[in-house]
Protein backbone atom coordinates (compact mmCIF):
# COMPACT_ATOMS: atom_id res chain seq x y z
CA MET A 1 21.73 43.72 18.17
CA VAL A 2 24.88 42.31 16.53
CA SER A 3 27.87 42.05 18.84
CA THR A 4 31.22 43.81 18.13
CA SER A 5 32.82 40.27 17.86
CA SER A 6 30.25 39.36 15.21
CA LYS A 7 31.18 42.36 13.18
CA ARG A 8 34.81 41.36 13.40
CA SER A 9 33.93 37.79 12.14
CA ARG A 10 32.22 39.17 8.96
CA SER A 11 35.26 41.40 8.14
CA ALA A 12 37.72 38.61 8.58
CA SER A 13 39.53 37.35 5.52
CA LEU A 14 38.22 33.78 5.94
CA SER A 15 36.15 32.57 3.08
CA ALA A 16 32.49 31.85 3.82
CA ARG A 17 32.28 29.02 1.29
CA SER A 18 35.72 27.37 1.51
CA PRO A 19 36.91 24.40 3.61
CA SER A 20 40.30 26.02 3.87
CA ARG A 21 40.36 28.25 7.03
CA GLU A 22 42.92 29.79 9.25
CA LYS A 23 42.37 29.68 12.97
CA ASN A 24 40.58 32.83 14.23
CA PRO A 25 39.98 32.60 18.04
CA ASP A 26 37.80 35.75 18.00
CA GLU A 27 35.30 34.37 15.53
CA HIS A 28 31.83 34.71 16.99
CA TYR A 29 28.19 34.54 15.84
CA GLN A 30 24.94 35.26 17.35
CA ILE A 31 23.56 31.91 16.24
CA VAL A 32 25.51 28.90 15.15
CA ILE A 33 23.49 26.13 13.29
CA VAL A 34 25.18 22.72 13.14
CA GLY A 35 23.91 20.91 10.06
CA GLY A 36 23.04 22.22 6.64
CA GLY A 37 20.41 19.71 5.73
CA ALA A 38 16.64 20.08 5.71
CA ALA A 39 16.35 21.24 9.23
CA GLY A 40 19.31 23.49 9.32
CA ILE A 41 18.61 25.44 6.05
CA THR A 42 15.02 25.82 6.85
CA THR A 43 15.75 27.03 10.33
CA ALA A 44 18.21 29.61 9.02
CA ALA A 45 15.77 30.82 6.35
CA GLN A 46 13.01 31.21 8.85
CA LEU A 47 15.14 33.06 11.31
CA LEU A 48 16.31 35.44 8.67
CA LYS A 49 12.71 36.15 7.58
CA GLN A 50 12.06 37.08 11.15
CA ASN A 51 15.11 39.31 11.37
CA SER A 52 17.47 39.81 8.42
CA LYS A 53 20.10 41.41 10.65
CA LEU A 54 20.68 38.21 12.69
CA ASP A 55 24.30 37.06 12.60
CA ILE A 56 23.98 33.36 11.58
CA ALA A 57 26.67 30.74 10.66
CA ILE A 58 25.80 27.27 9.27
CA VAL A 59 28.41 24.53 9.87
CA GLU A 60 28.03 21.89 7.14
CA PRO A 61 30.89 19.85 5.50
CA ALA A 62 29.01 18.49 2.35
CA GLU A 63 29.38 20.16 -1.05
CA LYS A 64 26.02 18.85 -2.19
CA HIS A 65 22.49 19.02 -0.69
CA TYR A 66 20.15 16.09 -1.35
CA TYR A 67 16.43 15.79 -1.12
CA GLN A 68 16.72 12.38 0.61
CA PRO A 69 13.02 11.48 0.36
CA GLY A 70 13.56 11.39 -3.29
CA TRP A 71 15.86 8.40 -3.10
CA THR A 72 12.83 6.25 -2.80
CA LEU A 73 11.60 7.49 -6.18
CA VAL A 74 15.04 6.84 -7.57
CA GLY A 75 14.95 3.31 -6.28
CA GLY A 76 11.59 2.78 -7.83
CA GLY A 77 12.60 4.03 -11.23
CA ILE A 78 10.29 7.14 -11.05
CA ALA A 79 12.95 9.74 -11.31
CA PRO A 80 16.77 9.99 -11.81
CA ILE A 81 19.11 10.89 -8.84
CA GLU A 82 20.15 14.16 -10.42
CA GLN A 83 16.66 15.48 -9.83
CA PHE A 84 17.18 15.46 -6.12
CA VAL A 85 20.58 17.25 -5.68
CA ARG A 86 21.63 20.80 -5.56
CA GLN A 87 25.04 22.49 -4.75
CA GLU A 88 25.06 23.26 -1.01
CA GLN A 89 26.09 26.82 -1.66
CA ASP A 90 22.96 27.38 -3.75
CA VAL A 91 20.61 26.50 -0.81
CA ILE A 92 22.46 28.50 1.94
CA PRO A 93 20.05 31.40 2.71
CA ARG A 94 21.14 34.87 1.84
CA GLY A 95 22.54 36.58 4.93
CA ALA A 96 23.89 33.37 6.47
CA LYS A 97 27.56 32.30 6.45
CA TRP A 98 28.48 28.77 5.32
CA ILE A 99 31.36 27.22 7.28
CA GLN A 100 32.33 24.16 5.35
CA ASP A 101 33.77 21.94 7.96
CA TYR A 102 32.98 19.13 10.40
CA VAL A 103 32.15 19.68 14.06
CA THR A 104 34.32 17.46 16.29
CA ALA A 105 33.37 18.75 19.82
CA PHE A 106 30.97 20.82 21.69
CA ASP A 107 31.78 22.92 24.82
CA PRO A 108 28.41 24.36 25.88
CA ASP A 109 29.82 25.62 29.11
CA ARG A 110 31.97 28.01 27.04
CA ASN A 111 29.47 28.46 24.24
CA SER A 112 31.90 27.17 21.61
CA VAL A 113 32.15 24.39 18.97
CA THR A 114 35.46 22.84 17.64
CA LEU A 115 35.83 22.04 13.96
CA ALA A 116 37.84 19.39 12.33
CA GLN A 117 40.62 21.80 11.31
CA GLY A 118 40.97 22.89 14.93
CA HIS A 119 39.07 25.99 14.44
CA GLU A 120 36.92 27.17 17.42
CA ILE A 121 33.71 29.14 16.89
CA LYS A 122 31.91 30.98 19.74
CA TYR A 123 28.08 31.47 19.73
CA ASP A 124 25.36 33.15 21.74
CA TYR A 125 22.84 30.57 20.68
CA LEU A 126 23.23 27.20 19.13
CA VAL A 127 20.86 25.14 17.00
CA VAL A 128 21.92 21.44 16.65
CA CYS A 129 20.56 19.41 13.63
CA PRO A 130 23.24 17.45 11.92
CA GLY A 131 21.08 14.50 10.79
CA ILE A 132 21.51 10.85 11.55
CA GLN A 133 24.50 8.53 11.16
CA ILE A 134 24.32 5.47 9.08
CA ASP A 135 26.02 2.45 10.79
CA TRP A 136 26.67 0.22 7.79
CA HIS A 137 29.40 -1.55 9.69
CA LEU A 138 26.95 -3.05 12.23
CA VAL A 139 25.69 -5.59 9.62
CA LYS A 140 28.68 -7.87 8.96
CA GLY A 141 29.56 -8.12 5.29
CA LEU A 142 27.11 -5.44 4.17
CA LYS A 143 29.62 -2.72 3.13
CA GLU A 144 31.51 -5.26 0.99
CA ALA A 145 28.39 -6.58 -0.63
CA LEU A 146 26.51 -3.44 -1.40
CA GLY A 147 26.04 -2.34 -5.04
CA LYS A 148 26.42 -5.78 -6.54
CA GLY A 149 24.95 -9.24 -6.48
CA GLY A 150 21.46 -7.92 -5.84
CA VAL A 151 22.44 -6.17 -2.56
CA THR A 152 21.22 -2.63 -2.31
CA SER A 153 19.95 0.20 -0.17
CA ASN A 154 18.04 3.38 -0.88
CA TYR A 155 19.53 4.97 2.16
CA SER A 156 22.56 6.14 0.14
CA GLN A 157 22.67 8.24 -3.01
CA ASP A 158 25.39 5.83 -4.16
CA TYR A 159 23.15 2.78 -4.22
CA ALA A 160 19.60 4.04 -4.80
CA PRO A 161 20.11 3.95 -8.68
CA TYR A 162 21.30 0.38 -8.23
CA THR A 163 18.07 -0.51 -6.40
CA TRP A 164 16.17 0.40 -9.52
CA SER A 165 18.57 -1.54 -11.83
CA THR A 166 18.17 -4.64 -9.55
CA ILE A 167 14.35 -4.34 -9.61
CA LYS A 168 14.17 -3.83 -13.27
CA ASN A 169 16.49 -6.73 -14.04
CA PHE A 170 15.20 -9.12 -11.45
CA GLN A 171 14.55 -12.62 -12.88
CA GLY A 172 12.61 -13.99 -10.02
CA GLY A 173 13.25 -15.68 -6.68
CA THR A 174 13.30 -14.27 -3.14
CA ALA A 175 13.37 -10.54 -2.77
CA ILE A 176 13.90 -9.40 0.88
CA PHE A 177 13.39 -5.96 2.33
CA THR A 178 14.63 -5.36 5.91
CA TYR A 179 14.11 -3.05 8.75
CA PRO A 180 16.61 -2.84 11.71
CA ASN A 181 16.25 -2.66 15.47
CA THR A 182 17.29 1.03 15.69
CA PRO A 183 15.56 4.25 15.01
CA ILE A 184 16.02 5.27 11.39
CA LYS A 185 15.18 8.22 9.12
CA CYS A 186 11.86 7.78 7.28
CA GLY A 187 10.92 4.40 8.68
CA GLY A 188 8.35 3.99 5.90
CA ALA A 189 11.02 3.96 3.18
CA PRO A 190 11.83 0.13 3.59
CA GLN A 191 8.13 -0.58 2.86
CA LYS A 192 7.72 1.98 0.00
CA VAL A 193 10.43 0.37 -2.16
CA MET A 194 9.04 -3.09 -1.35
CA TYR A 195 5.57 -2.17 -2.60
CA MET A 196 6.97 -0.65 -5.77
CA ALA A 197 9.10 -3.65 -6.39
CA ASP A 198 6.17 -6.03 -5.86
CA ASP A 199 4.05 -3.90 -8.16
CA TYR A 200 6.78 -3.92 -10.85
CA PHE A 201 7.30 -7.69 -10.62
CA LYS A 202 3.56 -8.42 -10.88
CA SER A 203 2.27 -5.89 -13.38
CA LYS A 204 5.33 -4.78 -15.53
CA SER A 205 8.27 -7.37 -15.64
CA GLY A 206 6.04 -10.49 -15.25
CA VAL A 207 8.24 -12.23 -12.87
CA GLY A 208 5.86 -11.90 -9.97
CA VAL A 209 4.62 -15.53 -10.38
CA ASN A 210 8.06 -16.81 -9.77
CA THR A 211 8.92 -14.32 -6.92
CA LYS A 212 8.43 -14.29 -3.24
CA VAL A 213 8.56 -10.88 -1.65
CA MET A 214 9.44 -10.79 2.00
CA PHE A 215 9.49 -8.09 4.69
CA CYS A 216 11.86 -8.99 7.46
CA THR A 217 11.62 -6.44 10.29
CA ALA A 218 12.94 -6.27 13.84
CA GLY A 219 9.64 -4.79 14.85
CA ALA A 220 6.44 -6.66 15.83
CA LYS A 221 4.08 -5.06 13.35
CA MET A 222 4.03 -3.24 10.04
CA PHE A 223 3.45 0.24 11.48
CA SER A 224 3.34 1.58 15.04
CA VAL A 225 0.31 3.76 14.54
CA PRO A 226 -2.75 1.39 14.60
CA ALA A 227 -4.91 3.42 12.17
CA TYR A 228 -2.29 3.00 9.47
CA ASN A 229 -1.10 -0.38 10.51
CA ALA A 230 -4.60 -1.74 9.76
CA THR A 231 -4.36 -0.44 6.19
CA LEU A 232 -0.91 -1.79 5.66
CA GLU A 233 -1.92 -5.25 6.94
CA GLU A 234 -4.64 -5.25 4.21
CA VAL A 235 -2.15 -4.24 1.61
CA ILE A 236 0.30 -7.03 2.70
CA GLU A 237 -2.51 -9.57 2.65
CA LYS A 238 -3.78 -8.44 -0.83
CA ARG A 239 -0.34 -8.56 -2.23
CA GLU A 240 0.51 -11.91 -0.60
CA ILE A 241 3.76 -10.41 0.76
CA ALA A 242 5.42 -12.71 3.44
CA THR A 243 6.17 -10.97 6.82
CA LYS A 244 8.85 -12.02 9.22
CA PHE A 245 8.52 -9.97 12.51
CA LYS A 246 11.19 -9.76 15.10
CA HIS A 247 13.91 -10.54 12.52
CA ASN A 248 16.98 -8.25 12.88
CA LEU A 249 19.55 -8.51 10.12
CA LYS A 250 23.13 -9.02 11.34
CA GLU A 251 25.08 -10.31 8.50
CA ILE A 252 25.12 -10.66 4.66
CA LYS A 253 26.97 -13.63 3.14
CA ALA A 254 27.31 -12.45 -0.37
CA ASP A 255 29.18 -15.60 -1.64
CA THR A 256 26.09 -17.86 -0.81
CA GLN A 257 23.43 -15.13 -0.97
CA GLU A 258 22.30 -15.67 2.51
CA ALA A 259 20.84 -13.12 4.88
CA ILE A 260 21.49 -13.95 8.65
CA PHE A 261 18.94 -12.69 11.19
CA ASP A 262 18.72 -12.64 14.97
CA VAL A 263 15.13 -13.69 15.62
CA THR A 264 13.57 -12.97 18.93
CA THR A 265 11.34 -15.80 20.17
CA ASP A 266 9.79 -16.79 23.46
CA ASN A 267 12.83 -18.94 24.16
CA GLY A 268 15.34 -16.20 23.45
CA VAL A 269 17.33 -15.20 20.32
CA GLU A 270 17.82 -17.59 17.52
CA GLU A 271 19.92 -17.20 14.45
CA VAL A 272 18.15 -17.84 11.10
CA SER A 273 19.42 -17.91 7.62
CA ILE A 274 17.29 -16.92 4.62
CA HIS A 275 18.45 -17.27 0.92
CA TYR A 276 17.99 -13.99 -1.14
CA ASP A 277 18.13 -13.35 -4.81
CA MET A 278 17.86 -9.57 -4.18
CA ILE A 279 17.87 -7.77 -0.73
CA HIS A 280 17.13 -4.11 0.04
CA VAL A 281 18.80 -3.42 3.37
CA THR A 282 17.78 -0.71 5.74
CA PRO A 283 21.01 -0.24 7.76
CA PRO A 284 21.15 0.47 11.55
CA MET A 285 21.36 4.14 12.41
CA SER A 286 22.28 6.28 15.36
CA SER A 287 23.07 9.83 16.45
CA PRO A 288 26.41 11.01 15.03
CA ASP A 289 29.38 10.09 17.15
CA PHE A 290 30.33 13.74 17.82
CA ILE A 291 26.88 14.10 19.42
CA LYS A 292 26.96 10.82 21.41
CA HIS A 293 30.26 11.91 23.07
CA SER A 294 29.23 15.40 23.85
CA PRO A 295 27.64 17.14 26.90
CA LEU A 296 24.54 17.75 24.77
CA ALA A 297 23.58 14.02 24.48
CA ASN A 298 21.14 12.12 26.59
CA ASP A 299 21.72 8.53 27.78
CA GLN A 300 20.84 7.19 24.32
CA GLY A 301 23.17 9.60 22.45
CA TRP A 302 20.58 12.00 20.99
CA VAL A 303 20.55 15.79 21.46
CA ASP A 304 18.56 16.12 24.85
CA VAL A 305 15.75 18.55 24.17
CA ASN A 306 12.27 19.28 25.67
CA LYS A 307 9.81 17.48 23.30
CA TYR A 308 7.41 20.45 23.21
CA THR A 309 9.75 23.56 23.24
CA LEU A 310 12.81 21.86 21.59
CA GLN A 311 15.06 23.72 24.00
CA HIS A 312 17.91 21.74 25.46
CA ASN A 313 17.11 20.34 28.87
CA ARG A 314 20.30 21.62 30.44
CA TYR A 315 21.60 24.42 28.32
CA PRO A 316 18.90 27.02 27.71
CA ASN A 317 20.71 28.80 24.84
CA VAL A 318 20.82 25.54 22.81
CA PHE A 319 17.95 24.08 20.75
CA GLY A 320 17.76 20.84 18.75
CA LEU A 321 15.57 19.38 16.04
CA GLY A 322 15.57 16.89 13.21
CA ASP A 323 16.97 13.35 13.11
CA ALA A 324 19.54 13.86 15.86
CA SER A 325 17.16 15.11 18.41
CA SER A 326 15.79 13.02 21.27
CA LEU A 327 12.21 13.76 20.11
CA PRO A 328 10.09 10.53 20.31
CA ILE A 329 8.70 10.74 16.90
CA SER A 330 9.55 9.88 13.35
CA LYS A 331 12.69 11.25 11.80
CA THR A 332 11.43 12.83 8.56
CA ALA A 333 11.82 16.09 6.65
CA ALA A 334 8.08 16.71 7.33
CA ALA A 335 8.67 16.42 11.08
CA ALA A 336 11.65 18.83 10.83
CA ARG A 337 9.56 21.27 8.91
CA LYS A 338 6.90 21.50 11.67
CA GLN A 339 9.65 21.67 14.37
CA THR A 340 11.42 24.61 12.64
CA PRO A 341 8.93 27.33 13.50
CA VAL A 342 8.90 26.13 17.07
CA VAL A 343 12.62 26.43 17.35
CA VAL A 344 12.60 29.79 15.52
CA GLN A 345 9.86 31.37 17.78
CA ASN A 346 11.31 29.98 20.95
CA LEU A 347 14.91 30.95 20.19
CA ILE A 348 13.81 34.43 19.51
CA SER A 349 11.81 34.43 22.74
CA GLN A 350 14.89 33.21 24.63
CA MET A 351 16.93 35.98 23.01
CA ASN A 352 14.46 38.46 24.31
CA ALA A 353 14.09 36.94 27.77
CA ARG A 354 10.38 36.04 27.07
CA GLN A 355 8.47 32.85 27.94
CA LEU A 356 8.74 30.06 25.40
CA ASN A 357 5.22 29.71 24.21
CA SER A 358 5.60 27.84 20.96
CA LYS A 359 4.87 24.06 21.24
CA TYR A 360 5.56 21.16 18.96
CA ASP A 361 2.80 18.50 19.00
CA GLY A 362 4.82 15.80 17.48
CA TYR A 363 3.39 16.19 13.96
CA THR A 364 5.08 14.05 11.38
CA CYS A 365 4.24 12.81 7.82
CA CYS A 366 5.21 9.73 5.92
CA PRO A 367 3.79 9.47 2.44
CA LEU A 368 3.61 5.61 2.16
CA ILE A 369 3.81 4.68 -1.49
CA THR A 370 2.00 1.39 -1.86
CA GLY A 371 2.39 1.00 -5.64
CA TYR A 372 3.02 3.09 -8.76
CA HIS A 373 -0.49 4.57 -8.51
CA SER A 374 -1.18 4.75 -4.88
CA ALA A 375 0.07 6.09 -1.51
CA ILE A 376 -1.17 6.71 2.03
CA MET A 377 -0.45 10.13 3.42
CA ALA A 378 0.28 8.95 6.97
CA GLU A 379 0.28 11.99 9.24
CA PHE A 380 0.15 11.72 13.03
CA ASP A 381 1.27 13.30 16.23
CA TYR A 382 2.84 12.42 19.59
CA GLU A 383 -0.36 10.74 20.76
CA GLY A 384 -0.55 8.52 17.65
CA ASP A 385 -3.61 10.31 16.49
CA PRO A 386 -3.97 10.79 12.75
CA ALA A 387 -3.33 14.46 11.89
CA PRO A 388 -4.38 14.90 8.37
CA SER A 389 -3.66 18.00 6.49
CA PHE A 390 -6.45 17.41 3.98
CA PRO A 391 -10.12 16.94 4.65
CA LEU A 392 -9.86 13.26 3.56
CA ASP A 393 -9.54 9.92 5.33
CA PRO A 394 -5.75 9.74 5.69
CA THR A 395 -5.84 5.91 6.05
CA LYS A 396 -6.92 5.20 2.51
CA GLU A 397 -4.70 4.54 -0.46
CA ARG A 398 -5.05 7.34 -3.04
CA TYR A 399 -3.61 8.16 -6.50
CA SER A 400 -3.64 11.87 -5.51
CA MET A 401 -1.38 11.17 -2.63
CA PHE A 402 1.01 9.24 -4.87
CA LEU A 403 1.12 12.29 -7.12
CA ALA A 404 1.78 14.57 -4.17
CA LYS A 405 4.65 12.38 -2.99
CA ALA A 406 6.29 12.02 -6.39
CA TYR A 407 5.86 15.50 -7.74
CA ALA A 408 4.42 18.08 -5.35
CA LEU A 409 6.59 17.44 -2.30
CA PRO A 410 9.97 17.67 -4.14
CA TRP A 411 8.98 21.02 -5.60
CA ILE A 412 7.74 22.25 -2.25
CA TYR A 413 10.99 21.23 -0.64
CA TRP A 414 13.30 23.14 -3.01
CA ASN A 415 10.97 26.19 -3.64
CA ARG A 416 9.20 26.69 -0.28
CA MET A 417 10.60 24.60 2.59
CA LEU A 418 14.32 25.64 2.16
CA LYS A 419 13.11 29.19 1.53
CA GLY A 420 11.53 29.39 4.95
CA GLU A 421 7.96 29.57 3.75
CA SER A 422 5.05 28.35 5.91
CA PHE A 423 3.54 24.91 5.86
CA GLU A 424 1.17 24.74 2.76
CA ALA A 425 -1.54 22.57 4.34
CA ASP A 426 -2.23 25.14 7.08
CA ILE A 427 -4.78 26.60 4.78
CA PHE A 428 -6.98 23.57 5.37
CA LYS A 429 -6.91 24.02 9.19
CA PRO A 430 -10.33 25.66 9.48
CA ILE A 431 -11.96 22.87 7.49
CA ASN A 432 -10.18 20.22 9.47
CA ARG A 433 -11.17 21.87 12.75
CA LEU A 434 -14.84 21.70 11.66
CA LEU A 435 -14.49 18.15 10.67
CA GLN A 436 -12.66 17.32 13.94
CA LYS A 437 -15.73 18.55 15.91
CA ASP A 438 -17.82 15.84 14.39
CA SER A 439 -15.14 13.12 14.80
CA ASP A 440 -14.64 13.96 18.47
CA LYS A 441 -17.80 11.99 19.13
CA SER A 442 -16.05 8.90 17.73
CA PRO A 443 -13.48 6.73 19.57
CA VAL A 444 -9.95 8.07 19.26
CA ILE A 445 -7.37 5.61 18.03
CA LYS A 446 -4.11 5.88 19.98
CA THR A 447 -0.66 4.50 19.20
CA GLU A 448 0.51 1.55 21.35
CA GLU A 449 4.20 2.68 21.16
CA LYS A 450 5.69 6.12 21.84
CA ASN A 451 8.71 5.82 19.62
CA THR A 452 6.87 5.78 16.23
CA THR A 453 8.44 5.43 12.86
CA CYS A 454 7.19 6.95 9.67
């Protein structure tokens, strides 16, 4: 049932789609969703499918909504950036109110959030999914170098088109692709653009013979799930791509085209300089500052939720999902999509004083593009077990998976995911269960690390 204060909020003269707001201390909603990205919009859409009378507000400052997985395709020259953007107001589900503002503080003891313009909003239930924060400043000289001189990054809509320009016009030399020592969204993206660049250099532009492609990662391996790591090691060996493990980028010297790394060795950390002719930087990332400094955060600054129920560990009327959550799994749109129905079902159960029975198993997916005609659909769960949606070996490179990544998934995102529709590959569950019965007799490959990246 909608509260009286919720009815007052709907009749207030404040605009639902305007950043200009007068303070209304009585504004109250049943459910406030912080974040209007993939997780927030999908959650709102699924909640309203369950009950169209729910009183929901989405707090999101951005005018535009991006399909961020598409930026890899932009950087590889497969599609223009315009293909992956919509107006935010056009993806807000019918029945939800859009509050276009920034959250600056949480007060979960008073069930309220404070916005940048000083406005306070009360809630009965809170869903926190504001995405991840890009910390460009943590690499010295990076912000000043980006977008020129061969320095680029697909982790911003501003520079993804420049990535393609850089690859297309590359004349040979050393091309570096980096991976930082922090959690990042879609951890497979640094490799995807590298494989496409290498493919383009060798098969299209002809500069491959004069080019050294190098993957410099702060990690100790290509991929943390052994089943997929084995395939990627084969790809690296076949392509003759140089790998530099335990290399964490800390500085860009644009005037001399040097990338400065902290390299972890048996004798401690050493500083190493590597010349580049182009460099694709994956910047450090973290939970947004307004999360880090809030009562909702854990010791690492992420929204502190139970990894199975997605309910906050201290505030039972708060749920969290997506990139800003403490979940020990990859930060991808695919993960958020599988988390959303768990949040929706458990939030409704909480509203009705029922037991929270919906469980998230850690499923995530990273379509690892390995060239312009191949991709690995890397799907796995908390245990690091491959969790394929299709009755196919998920560790193999396939043209069909490339087509799915480049064409099917963007369409699904705009036309099904953001509309609150169910996961398409669930139709294959019966077939996969039958196949699983046979595979249960074989040894199970487990991940060696809990904090996996896609």
